[in-house]
C-alpha cells in the first residue's frame, strides 16, 4: 500500500459493490446490482484529481446482468478520466465479458495503457475457484486483446492446491501466447 501510494497509484472499483458471480476466492458480495451510476465516471475522475493520482487501476465487479457486461460504463469512466485527468495512465482490470467481442472491442478502442484480466488459477482448479468463469475463455480474452496491440497482463493466485507442474504449465501457456505474436 505504501509503495503504491508513494508512486501516486490507486485502485478504483466501478459498477457497484455487488457481483453477479460467486467466485470462491473473492470477498465481494454477490447479488443483483442496481443500474450503473451515471455520476460514477465524474466521481472517479474527481477523486483521481483530488488525490493527485498518476496511475489509476480500474477494476469492477462482474456484471453479467448487463447486456454488454458493463463495457459501455467502463468506456464512460475511461473517457472521463482521460478528459478530466490528463497525463494519468490507466490499467483496466476487466472481467471476461463472457468473451463478448463487441465489449472487448470498445475497451480496446479507448486504449488504456494496460488491459489486465486475471486467469486467477490453474486450469484444473478453475471450476472450484471461479465457478462461473472459464480458464480457456480467460486465455481467449487475453489473446484477443493482445492481437489488437493492447498491452495485456494477467495474474494468478498461488496456494490453492495447485501443483508446481500446473503452475509452470499455466505460465508457459501465457508466455507461449505472447511468443506466438512475435
N, C-alpha and C. Protein backbone atom coordinates (compact mmCIF):
# COMPACT_ATOMS: atom_id res chain seq x y z
N UNK A 1 0.83 -1.20 0.00
CA UNK A 1 0.00 0.00 0.00
C UNK A 1 0.87 1.26 0.00
N UNK A 2 1.88 1.29 0.87
CA UNK A 2 2.75 2.47 0.95
C UNK A 2 3.50 2.68 -0.36
N UNK A 3 3.94 1.59 -0.97
CA UNK A 3 4.67 1.70 -2.24
C UNK A 3 3.78 2.29 -3.33
N UNK A 4 2.55 1.79 -3.42
CA UNK A 4 1.62 2.30 -4.43
C UNK A 4 1.30 3.77 -4.18
N UNK A 5 1.01 4.10 -2.93
CA UNK A 5 0.67 5.48 -2.60
C UNK A 5 1.83 6.41 -2.90
N UNK A 6 3.04 5.98 -2.58
CA UNK A 6 4.22 6.80 -2.85
C UNK A 6 4.38 7.05 -4.35
N UNK A 7 3.96 6.12 -5.17
CA UNK A 7 4.03 6.27 -6.62
C UNK A 7 2.79 6.96 -7.18
N UNK A 8 1.89 7.41 -6.30
CA UNK A 8 0.63 8.07 -6.68
C UNK A 8 -0.24 7.14 -7.53
N UNK A 9 -0.36 5.90 -7.07
CA UNK A 9 -1.18 4.88 -7.72
C UNK A 9 -2.30 4.48 -6.79
N UNK A 10 -3.48 4.32 -7.35
CA UNK A 10 -4.62 3.86 -6.55
C UNK A 10 -5.54 3.03 -7.43
N UNK A 11 -6.31 2.16 -6.79
CA UNK A 11 -7.26 1.30 -7.49
C UNK A 11 -8.67 1.75 -7.16
N UNK A 12 -9.52 1.77 -8.18
CA UNK A 12 -10.91 2.17 -8.05
C UNK A 12 -11.80 1.05 -8.59
N UNK A 13 -12.80 0.65 -7.80
CA UNK A 13 -13.74 -0.37 -8.25
C UNK A 13 -15.01 0.33 -8.73
N UNK A 14 -15.42 -0.02 -9.93
CA UNK A 14 -16.59 0.61 -10.54
C UNK A 14 -17.72 -0.41 -10.69
N UNK A 15 -18.86 0.07 -11.07
CA UNK A 15 -20.06 -0.71 -11.36
C UNK A 15 -20.73 -1.30 -10.11
N UNK A 16 -20.55 -0.65 -9.00
CA UNK A 16 -21.25 -1.07 -7.79
C UNK A 16 -20.41 -1.95 -6.89
N UNK A 17 -21.08 -2.55 -5.91
CA UNK A 17 -20.36 -3.39 -4.95
C UNK A 17 -20.96 -4.78 -4.84
N UNK A 18 -21.82 -5.14 -5.78
CA UNK A 18 -22.39 -6.49 -5.81
C UNK A 18 -22.04 -7.15 -7.14
N UNK A 19 -21.46 -8.32 -7.05
CA UNK A 19 -21.04 -9.07 -8.24
C UNK A 19 -22.13 -10.08 -8.61
N UNK A 20 -22.27 -10.34 -9.89
CA UNK A 20 -23.27 -11.33 -10.32
C UNK A 20 -22.70 -12.74 -10.32
N UNK A 21 -21.42 -12.88 -10.04
CA UNK A 21 -20.82 -14.21 -9.93
C UNK A 21 -20.50 -14.47 -8.46
N UNK A 22 -20.16 -15.68 -8.16
CA UNK A 22 -19.87 -16.04 -6.77
C UNK A 22 -18.58 -16.84 -6.72
N UNK A 23 -17.50 -16.24 -7.17
CA UNK A 23 -16.21 -16.93 -7.17
C UNK A 23 -15.75 -17.15 -5.74
N UNK A 24 -15.22 -18.31 -5.49
CA UNK A 24 -14.88 -18.73 -4.13
C UNK A 24 -13.75 -17.92 -3.50
N UNK A 25 -12.86 -17.34 -4.28
CA UNK A 25 -11.71 -16.63 -3.73
C UNK A 25 -12.04 -15.18 -3.38
N UNK A 26 -13.12 -14.67 -3.89
CA UNK A 26 -13.38 -13.24 -3.83
C UNK A 26 -14.12 -12.84 -2.56
N UNK A 27 -13.88 -11.64 -2.11
CA UNK A 27 -14.53 -11.13 -0.92
C UNK A 27 -15.56 -10.06 -1.26
N UNK A 28 -16.03 -10.05 -2.50
CA UNK A 28 -17.06 -9.11 -2.91
C UNK A 28 -18.40 -9.82 -2.78
N UNK A 29 -19.38 -9.11 -2.23
CA UNK A 29 -20.71 -9.70 -2.06
C UNK A 29 -21.34 -9.98 -3.42
N UNK A 30 -22.17 -11.00 -3.43
CA UNK A 30 -22.87 -11.42 -4.65
C UNK A 30 -24.34 -11.03 -4.53
N UNK A 31 -24.92 -10.64 -5.63
CA UNK A 31 -26.33 -10.31 -5.63
C UNK A 31 -26.71 -9.56 -6.89
N UNK A 32 -27.92 -9.06 -6.88
CA UNK A 32 -28.42 -8.29 -8.02
C UNK A 32 -28.06 -6.83 -7.80
N UNK A 33 -27.33 -6.28 -8.73
CA UNK A 33 -26.88 -4.89 -8.63
C UNK A 33 -27.90 -3.95 -9.23
N UNK A 34 -27.81 -2.70 -8.86
CA UNK A 34 -28.64 -1.68 -9.46
C UNK A 34 -27.99 -1.23 -10.77
N UNK A 35 -28.67 -0.36 -11.47
CA UNK A 35 -28.13 0.16 -12.72
C UNK A 35 -26.83 0.91 -12.44
N UNK A 36 -25.92 0.93 -13.42
CA UNK A 36 -24.68 1.70 -13.22
C UNK A 36 -25.00 3.16 -12.90
N UNK A 37 -24.23 3.72 -11.99
CA UNK A 37 -24.40 5.10 -11.55
C UNK A 37 -23.89 6.05 -12.62
N UNK A 38 -24.77 6.85 -13.22
CA UNK A 38 -24.31 7.76 -14.28
C UNK A 38 -23.33 8.82 -13.78
N UNK A 39 -23.29 9.06 -12.48
CA UNK A 39 -22.35 10.04 -11.92
C UNK A 39 -20.98 9.42 -11.63
N UNK A 40 -20.87 8.09 -11.73
CA UNK A 40 -19.63 7.43 -11.37
C UNK A 40 -18.42 7.88 -12.20
N UNK A 41 -18.52 8.03 -13.51
CA UNK A 41 -17.33 8.47 -14.26
C UNK A 41 -16.78 9.80 -13.73
N UNK A 42 -17.65 10.78 -13.51
CA UNK A 42 -17.20 12.08 -13.00
C UNK A 42 -16.68 11.95 -11.57
N UNK A 43 -17.32 11.12 -10.76
CA UNK A 43 -16.88 10.95 -9.37
C UNK A 43 -15.49 10.32 -9.30
N UNK A 44 -15.23 9.31 -10.12
CA UNK A 44 -13.92 8.66 -10.13
C UNK A 44 -12.86 9.65 -10.61
N UNK A 45 -13.15 10.36 -11.68
CA UNK A 45 -12.19 11.34 -12.19
C UNK A 45 -11.91 12.43 -11.16
N UNK A 46 -12.94 12.87 -10.47
CA UNK A 46 -12.76 13.88 -9.44
C UNK A 46 -11.86 13.38 -8.31
N UNK A 47 -12.05 12.14 -7.90
CA UNK A 47 -11.23 11.58 -6.83
C UNK A 47 -9.77 11.42 -7.29
N UNK A 48 -9.58 11.02 -8.53
CA UNK A 48 -8.22 10.91 -9.07
C UNK A 48 -7.52 12.26 -9.00
N UNK A 49 -8.24 13.31 -9.37
CA UNK A 49 -7.67 14.67 -9.30
C UNK A 49 -7.39 15.08 -7.86
N UNK A 50 -8.35 14.85 -6.97
CA UNK A 50 -8.19 15.24 -5.56
C UNK A 50 -7.00 14.56 -4.91
N UNK A 51 -6.80 13.29 -5.25
CA UNK A 51 -5.72 12.51 -4.64
C UNK A 51 -4.40 12.65 -5.39
N UNK A 52 -4.42 13.41 -6.49
CA UNK A 52 -3.22 13.61 -7.31
C UNK A 52 -2.64 12.28 -7.79
N UNK A 53 -3.51 11.41 -8.24
CA UNK A 53 -3.12 10.09 -8.73
C UNK A 53 -2.47 10.23 -10.10
N UNK A 54 -1.39 9.49 -10.30
CA UNK A 54 -0.68 9.49 -11.58
C UNK A 54 -0.98 8.23 -12.39
N UNK A 55 -1.27 7.13 -11.69
CA UNK A 55 -1.61 5.87 -12.35
C UNK A 55 -2.80 5.28 -11.63
N UNK A 56 -3.90 5.10 -12.35
CA UNK A 56 -5.13 4.56 -11.78
C UNK A 56 -5.38 3.16 -12.32
N UNK A 57 -5.69 2.28 -11.41
CA UNK A 57 -6.11 0.93 -11.78
C UNK A 57 -7.62 0.89 -11.59
N UNK A 58 -8.32 0.54 -12.65
CA UNK A 58 -9.77 0.40 -12.57
C UNK A 58 -10.11 -1.07 -12.55
N UNK A 59 -10.96 -1.45 -11.65
CA UNK A 59 -11.47 -2.81 -11.61
C UNK A 59 -12.97 -2.72 -11.41
N UNK A 60 -13.64 -3.83 -11.45
CA UNK A 60 -15.10 -3.80 -11.26
C UNK A 60 -15.58 -5.14 -10.76
N UNK A 61 -16.79 -5.10 -10.28
CA UNK A 61 -17.50 -6.35 -10.06
C UNK A 61 -17.86 -6.87 -11.45
N UNK A 62 -18.17 -8.14 -11.54
CA UNK A 62 -18.64 -8.69 -12.82
C UNK A 62 -20.13 -8.42 -12.91
N UNK A 63 -20.55 -7.93 -14.06
CA UNK A 63 -21.95 -7.55 -14.26
C UNK A 63 -22.55 -8.33 -15.43
N UNK A 64 -22.73 -9.64 -15.20
CA UNK A 64 -23.34 -10.48 -16.23
C UNK A 64 -24.80 -10.09 -16.48
N UNK A 65 -25.38 -9.29 -15.60
CA UNK A 65 -26.76 -8.85 -15.75
C UNK A 65 -26.92 -7.76 -16.81
N UNK A 66 -25.84 -7.14 -17.21
CA UNK A 66 -25.89 -6.08 -18.22
C UNK A 66 -25.59 -6.67 -19.59
N UNK A 67 -26.28 -6.21 -20.62
CA UNK A 67 -26.15 -6.80 -21.95
C UNK A 67 -24.72 -6.80 -22.46
N UNK A 68 -23.92 -5.82 -22.07
CA UNK A 68 -22.54 -5.73 -22.53
C UNK A 68 -21.55 -6.02 -21.40
N UNK A 69 -22.05 -6.53 -20.30
CA UNK A 69 -21.19 -6.80 -19.15
C UNK A 69 -20.69 -5.55 -18.45
N UNK A 70 -21.24 -4.41 -18.84
CA UNK A 70 -20.81 -3.13 -18.27
C UNK A 70 -19.73 -2.43 -19.08
N UNK A 71 -19.40 -2.95 -20.24
CA UNK A 71 -18.31 -2.38 -21.05
C UNK A 71 -18.56 -0.91 -21.40
N UNK A 72 -19.78 -0.54 -21.74
CA UNK A 72 -20.06 0.86 -22.09
C UNK A 72 -19.79 1.77 -20.89
N UNK A 73 -20.11 1.31 -19.70
CA UNK A 73 -19.84 2.09 -18.50
C UNK A 73 -18.33 2.21 -18.27
N UNK A 74 -17.61 1.12 -18.48
CA UNK A 74 -16.14 1.16 -18.40
C UNK A 74 -15.62 2.28 -19.32
N UNK A 75 -16.12 2.31 -20.54
CA UNK A 75 -15.66 3.30 -21.52
C UNK A 75 -15.99 4.71 -21.03
N UNK A 76 -17.19 4.90 -20.47
CA UNK A 76 -17.54 6.23 -19.95
C UNK A 76 -16.57 6.67 -18.87
N UNK A 77 -16.21 5.75 -17.98
CA UNK A 77 -15.27 6.08 -16.90
C UNK A 77 -13.90 6.42 -17.48
N UNK A 78 -13.42 5.60 -18.40
CA UNK A 78 -12.11 5.84 -19.02
C UNK A 78 -12.08 7.18 -19.74
N UNK A 79 -13.12 7.45 -20.52
CA UNK A 79 -13.17 8.72 -21.27
C UNK A 79 -13.19 9.93 -20.34
N UNK A 80 -13.93 9.82 -19.25
CA UNK A 80 -13.99 10.95 -18.31
C UNK A 80 -12.64 11.16 -17.63
N UNK A 81 -11.97 10.08 -17.28
CA UNK A 81 -10.64 10.22 -16.69
C UNK A 81 -9.68 10.86 -17.69
N UNK A 82 -9.72 10.41 -18.93
CA UNK A 82 -8.85 10.99 -19.97
C UNK A 82 -9.11 12.49 -20.12
N UNK A 83 -10.40 12.87 -20.08
CA UNK A 83 -10.77 14.27 -20.26
C UNK A 83 -10.39 15.12 -19.04
N UNK A 84 -10.66 14.61 -17.86
CA UNK A 84 -10.51 15.40 -16.64
C UNK A 84 -9.14 15.27 -15.97
N UNK A 85 -8.40 14.25 -16.33
CA UNK A 85 -7.13 13.97 -15.66
C UNK A 85 -6.03 13.71 -16.68
N UNK A 86 -5.67 14.73 -17.46
CA UNK A 86 -4.65 14.50 -18.48
C UNK A 86 -3.34 14.01 -17.86
N UNK A 87 -2.74 13.06 -18.54
CA UNK A 87 -1.46 12.52 -18.07
C UNK A 87 -1.57 11.32 -17.15
N UNK A 88 -2.77 11.04 -16.65
CA UNK A 88 -2.94 9.87 -15.79
C UNK A 88 -2.94 8.62 -16.67
N UNK A 89 -2.14 7.65 -16.29
CA UNK A 89 -2.13 6.38 -17.03
C UNK A 89 -3.15 5.44 -16.39
N UNK A 90 -3.66 4.53 -17.22
CA UNK A 90 -4.74 3.65 -16.78
C UNK A 90 -4.42 2.19 -17.02
N UNK A 91 -4.70 1.41 -16.00
CA UNK A 91 -4.73 -0.04 -16.13
C UNK A 91 -6.16 -0.45 -15.84
N UNK A 92 -6.73 -1.23 -16.74
CA UNK A 92 -8.10 -1.69 -16.56
C UNK A 92 -8.09 -3.19 -16.30
N UNK A 93 -8.50 -3.56 -15.11
CA UNK A 93 -8.59 -4.97 -14.73
C UNK A 93 -10.02 -5.41 -14.99
N UNK A 94 -10.24 -5.93 -16.19
CA UNK A 94 -11.59 -6.18 -16.68
C UNK A 94 -12.06 -7.61 -16.38
N UNK A 95 -13.39 -7.79 -16.33
CA UNK A 95 -13.92 -9.14 -16.29
C UNK A 95 -13.81 -9.76 -17.69
N UNK A 96 -14.24 -10.99 -17.84
CA UNK A 96 -14.12 -11.65 -19.15
C UNK A 96 -15.21 -11.23 -20.14
N UNK A 97 -16.22 -10.50 -19.67
CA UNK A 97 -17.34 -10.07 -20.51
C UNK A 97 -17.95 -11.25 -21.28
N UNK A 98 -17.79 -12.46 -20.72
CA UNK A 98 -18.26 -13.69 -21.35
C UNK A 98 -17.78 -13.81 -22.80
N UNK A 99 -16.58 -13.27 -23.04
CA UNK A 99 -15.93 -13.26 -24.36
C UNK A 99 -16.81 -12.60 -25.42
N UNK A 100 -17.52 -11.56 -25.02
CA UNK A 100 -18.30 -10.76 -25.95
C UNK A 100 -17.32 -9.85 -26.69
N UNK A 101 -17.08 -10.13 -27.95
CA UNK A 101 -16.08 -9.39 -28.71
C UNK A 101 -16.43 -7.92 -28.85
N UNK A 102 -17.72 -7.58 -28.95
CA UNK A 102 -18.10 -6.17 -29.03
C UNK A 102 -17.68 -5.43 -27.77
N UNK A 103 -17.88 -6.06 -26.61
CA UNK A 103 -17.48 -5.44 -25.35
C UNK A 103 -15.96 -5.28 -25.28
N UNK A 104 -15.24 -6.30 -25.70
CA UNK A 104 -13.77 -6.22 -25.70
C UNK A 104 -13.28 -5.16 -26.68
N UNK A 105 -13.95 -5.05 -27.83
CA UNK A 105 -13.56 -4.06 -28.84
C UNK A 105 -13.69 -2.63 -28.32
N UNK A 106 -14.78 -2.34 -27.60
CA UNK A 106 -14.94 -0.96 -27.16
C UNK A 106 -13.94 -0.62 -26.05
N UNK A 107 -13.53 -1.61 -25.29
CA UNK A 107 -12.45 -1.37 -24.31
C UNK A 107 -11.15 -1.10 -25.07
N UNK A 108 -10.86 -1.91 -26.07
CA UNK A 108 -9.63 -1.74 -26.85
C UNK A 108 -9.60 -0.38 -27.56
N UNK A 109 -10.76 0.08 -28.02
CA UNK A 109 -10.82 1.35 -28.76
C UNK A 109 -10.41 2.55 -27.91
N UNK A 110 -10.68 2.51 -26.60
CA UNK A 110 -10.29 3.65 -25.75
C UNK A 110 -8.85 3.51 -25.28
N UNK A 111 -8.20 2.44 -25.63
CA UNK A 111 -6.75 2.22 -25.48
C UNK A 111 -6.18 2.56 -24.10
N UNK A 112 -6.64 1.86 -23.06
CA UNK A 112 -5.94 2.03 -21.78
C UNK A 112 -4.49 1.58 -21.95
N UNK A 113 -3.61 2.12 -21.13
CA UNK A 113 -2.20 1.74 -21.26
C UNK A 113 -2.00 0.25 -21.03
N UNK A 114 -2.79 -0.33 -20.13
CA UNK A 114 -2.71 -1.77 -19.84
C UNK A 114 -4.13 -2.30 -19.67
N UNK A 115 -4.40 -3.44 -20.28
CA UNK A 115 -5.64 -4.15 -20.00
C UNK A 115 -5.25 -5.44 -19.30
N UNK A 116 -5.78 -5.62 -18.14
CA UNK A 116 -5.47 -6.80 -17.34
C UNK A 116 -6.73 -7.65 -17.18
N UNK A 117 -6.54 -8.92 -17.27
CA UNK A 117 -7.62 -9.87 -16.98
C UNK A 117 -6.97 -11.08 -16.31
N UNK A 118 -7.35 -11.34 -15.10
CA UNK A 118 -6.68 -12.40 -14.34
C UNK A 118 -7.29 -13.77 -14.62
N UNK A 119 -6.40 -14.73 -14.88
CA UNK A 119 -6.87 -16.11 -15.01
C UNK A 119 -7.07 -16.74 -13.64
N UNK A 120 -6.48 -16.13 -12.63
CA UNK A 120 -6.66 -16.44 -11.21
C UNK A 120 -6.05 -17.75 -10.72
N UNK A 121 -6.21 -18.83 -11.48
CA UNK A 121 -5.73 -20.14 -11.01
C UNK A 121 -5.41 -21.04 -12.19
N UNK A 122 -4.93 -22.22 -11.89
CA UNK A 122 -4.60 -23.18 -12.95
C UNK A 122 -5.89 -23.78 -13.52
N UNK A 123 -5.77 -24.34 -14.70
CA UNK A 123 -6.97 -24.82 -15.40
C UNK A 123 -7.78 -25.83 -14.58
N UNK A 124 -7.11 -26.79 -13.95
CA UNK A 124 -7.81 -27.83 -13.18
C UNK A 124 -8.66 -27.24 -12.06
N UNK A 125 -8.19 -26.18 -11.45
CA UNK A 125 -8.87 -25.63 -10.28
C UNK A 125 -9.89 -24.55 -10.62
N UNK A 126 -9.95 -24.13 -11.86
CA UNK A 126 -10.86 -23.06 -12.24
C UNK A 126 -12.31 -23.35 -11.86
N UNK A 127 -12.86 -24.54 -12.12
CA UNK A 127 -14.26 -24.76 -11.74
C UNK A 127 -14.50 -24.65 -10.23
N UNK A 128 -13.49 -24.96 -9.42
CA UNK A 128 -13.64 -24.86 -7.97
C UNK A 128 -13.51 -23.42 -7.47
N UNK A 129 -12.61 -22.67 -8.08
CA UNK A 129 -12.28 -21.33 -7.61
C UNK A 129 -13.12 -20.26 -8.31
N UNK A 130 -13.31 -20.43 -9.61
CA UNK A 130 -14.04 -19.45 -10.43
C UNK A 130 -15.21 -20.17 -11.08
N UNK A 131 -16.16 -20.56 -10.30
CA UNK A 131 -17.22 -21.45 -10.77
C UNK A 131 -18.05 -20.90 -11.94
N UNK A 132 -18.08 -19.61 -12.15
CA UNK A 132 -18.82 -19.05 -13.27
C UNK A 132 -17.90 -18.47 -14.35
N UNK A 133 -16.63 -18.80 -14.25
CA UNK A 133 -15.66 -18.34 -15.25
C UNK A 133 -15.08 -19.56 -15.94
N UNK A 134 -14.28 -19.30 -16.94
CA UNK A 134 -13.72 -20.39 -17.72
C UNK A 134 -12.27 -20.05 -18.06
N UNK A 135 -11.38 -20.96 -17.73
CA UNK A 135 -9.94 -20.76 -17.94
C UNK A 135 -9.63 -20.45 -19.41
N UNK A 136 -10.14 -21.26 -20.30
CA UNK A 136 -9.84 -21.07 -21.72
C UNK A 136 -10.47 -19.78 -22.26
N UNK A 137 -11.62 -19.42 -21.72
CA UNK A 137 -12.23 -18.15 -22.11
C UNK A 137 -11.34 -16.98 -21.67
N UNK A 138 -10.77 -17.08 -20.47
CA UNK A 138 -9.87 -16.04 -20.00
C UNK A 138 -8.64 -15.93 -20.88
N UNK A 139 -8.07 -17.06 -21.27
CA UNK A 139 -6.93 -17.03 -22.20
C UNK A 139 -7.34 -16.41 -23.53
N UNK A 140 -8.56 -16.71 -23.98
CA UNK A 140 -9.04 -16.15 -25.24
C UNK A 140 -9.21 -14.63 -25.14
N UNK A 141 -9.66 -14.13 -23.99
CA UNK A 141 -9.77 -12.68 -23.78
C UNK A 141 -8.41 -12.03 -23.92
N UNK A 142 -7.41 -12.60 -23.24
CA UNK A 142 -6.05 -12.05 -23.30
C UNK A 142 -5.50 -12.11 -24.72
N UNK A 143 -5.72 -13.22 -25.39
CA UNK A 143 -5.23 -13.39 -26.76
C UNK A 143 -5.89 -12.38 -27.70
N UNK A 144 -7.21 -12.23 -27.58
CA UNK A 144 -7.95 -11.33 -28.46
C UNK A 144 -7.44 -9.89 -28.31
N UNK A 145 -7.27 -9.44 -27.06
CA UNK A 145 -6.80 -8.08 -26.83
C UNK A 145 -5.34 -7.90 -27.24
N UNK A 146 -4.53 -8.91 -27.03
CA UNK A 146 -3.13 -8.85 -27.44
C UNK A 146 -3.03 -8.67 -28.95
N UNK A 147 -3.89 -9.32 -29.69
CA UNK A 147 -3.87 -9.20 -31.16
C UNK A 147 -4.30 -7.81 -31.62
N UNK A 148 -4.88 -7.04 -30.73
CA UNK A 148 -5.28 -5.67 -31.05
C UNK A 148 -4.18 -4.69 -30.64
N UNK A 149 -3.00 -5.22 -30.35
CA UNK A 149 -1.85 -4.41 -29.96
C UNK A 149 -2.08 -3.63 -28.67
N UNK A 150 -2.83 -4.23 -27.79
CA UNK A 150 -3.04 -3.68 -26.46
C UNK A 150 -2.07 -4.38 -25.52
N UNK A 151 -1.44 -3.64 -24.63
CA UNK A 151 -0.57 -4.27 -23.63
C UNK A 151 -1.47 -4.98 -22.63
N UNK A 152 -1.32 -6.31 -22.54
CA UNK A 152 -2.15 -7.10 -21.65
C UNK A 152 -1.31 -7.76 -20.57
N UNK A 153 -1.96 -8.03 -19.46
CA UNK A 153 -1.30 -8.78 -18.40
C UNK A 153 -2.34 -9.60 -17.68
N UNK A 154 -1.86 -10.56 -16.90
CA UNK A 154 -2.76 -11.42 -16.15
C UNK A 154 -2.15 -11.71 -14.79
N UNK A 155 -2.93 -12.31 -13.94
CA UNK A 155 -2.46 -12.67 -12.62
C UNK A 155 -2.99 -14.03 -12.21
N UNK A 156 -2.23 -14.68 -11.35
CA UNK A 156 -2.62 -15.99 -10.84
C UNK A 156 -2.35 -16.02 -9.34
N UNK A 157 -3.28 -16.60 -8.60
CA UNK A 157 -3.09 -16.80 -7.16
C UNK A 157 -2.42 -18.14 -6.95
N UNK A 158 -1.58 -18.22 -5.94
CA UNK A 158 -0.92 -19.48 -5.61
C UNK A 158 -1.32 -19.90 -4.20
N UNK A 159 -1.21 -21.20 -3.95
CA UNK A 159 -1.52 -21.72 -2.62
C UNK A 159 -2.93 -22.24 -2.49
N UNK A 160 -3.56 -22.54 -3.62
CA UNK A 160 -4.93 -23.04 -3.59
C UNK A 160 -5.01 -24.55 -3.79
N UNK A 161 -3.85 -25.18 -3.87
CA UNK A 161 -3.82 -26.63 -4.09
C UNK A 161 -3.24 -27.04 -5.43
N UNK A 162 -2.76 -26.07 -6.18
CA UNK A 162 -2.17 -26.37 -7.49
C UNK A 162 -0.79 -27.00 -7.29
N UNK A 163 -0.36 -27.74 -8.29
CA UNK A 163 0.98 -28.35 -8.24
C UNK A 163 1.97 -27.43 -8.93
N UNK A 164 3.26 -27.65 -8.66
CA UNK A 164 4.30 -26.89 -9.34
C UNK A 164 4.19 -27.08 -10.84
N UNK A 165 3.93 -28.31 -11.26
CA UNK A 165 3.81 -28.61 -12.70
C UNK A 165 2.68 -27.78 -13.32
N UNK A 166 1.55 -27.67 -12.62
CA UNK A 166 0.42 -26.89 -13.15
C UNK A 166 0.77 -25.40 -13.23
N UNK A 167 1.51 -24.92 -12.26
CA UNK A 167 1.92 -23.51 -12.28
C UNK A 167 2.79 -23.24 -13.50
N UNK A 168 3.78 -24.11 -13.73
CA UNK A 168 4.67 -23.91 -14.88
C UNK A 168 3.90 -24.05 -16.19
N UNK A 169 2.96 -24.98 -16.25
CA UNK A 169 2.16 -25.16 -17.46
C UNK A 169 1.34 -23.89 -17.74
N UNK A 170 0.75 -23.33 -16.71
CA UNK A 170 -0.04 -22.10 -16.86
C UNK A 170 0.85 -20.95 -17.31
N UNK A 171 1.97 -20.78 -16.64
CA UNK A 171 2.91 -19.72 -17.01
C UNK A 171 3.35 -19.90 -18.45
N UNK A 172 3.69 -21.12 -18.83
CA UNK A 172 4.15 -21.38 -20.19
C UNK A 172 3.06 -21.11 -21.22
N UNK A 173 1.79 -21.41 -20.89
CA UNK A 173 0.69 -21.12 -21.83
C UNK A 173 0.58 -19.62 -22.07
N UNK A 174 0.72 -18.84 -21.01
CA UNK A 174 0.65 -17.38 -21.14
C UNK A 174 1.83 -16.86 -21.94
N UNK A 175 3.02 -17.36 -21.68
CA UNK A 175 4.20 -16.92 -22.41
C UNK A 175 4.12 -17.38 -23.87
N UNK A 176 3.67 -18.61 -24.07
CA UNK A 176 3.52 -19.16 -25.42
C UNK A 176 2.57 -18.30 -26.24
N UNK A 177 1.48 -17.85 -25.62
CA UNK A 177 0.50 -17.00 -26.28
C UNK A 177 1.18 -15.72 -26.76
N UNK A 178 2.03 -15.15 -25.93
CA UNK A 178 2.71 -13.92 -26.30
C UNK A 178 3.77 -14.15 -27.37
N UNK A 179 4.52 -15.24 -27.25
CA UNK A 179 5.58 -15.52 -28.22
C UNK A 179 5.02 -15.82 -29.60
N UNK A 180 3.83 -16.38 -29.68
CA UNK A 180 3.22 -16.65 -30.97
C UNK A 180 2.95 -15.39 -31.75
N UNK A 181 2.86 -14.26 -31.03
CA UNK A 181 2.59 -12.98 -31.69
C UNK A 181 3.85 -12.34 -32.26
N UNK A 182 5.03 -12.78 -31.82
CA UNK A 182 6.27 -12.14 -32.29
C UNK A 182 6.62 -12.53 -33.70
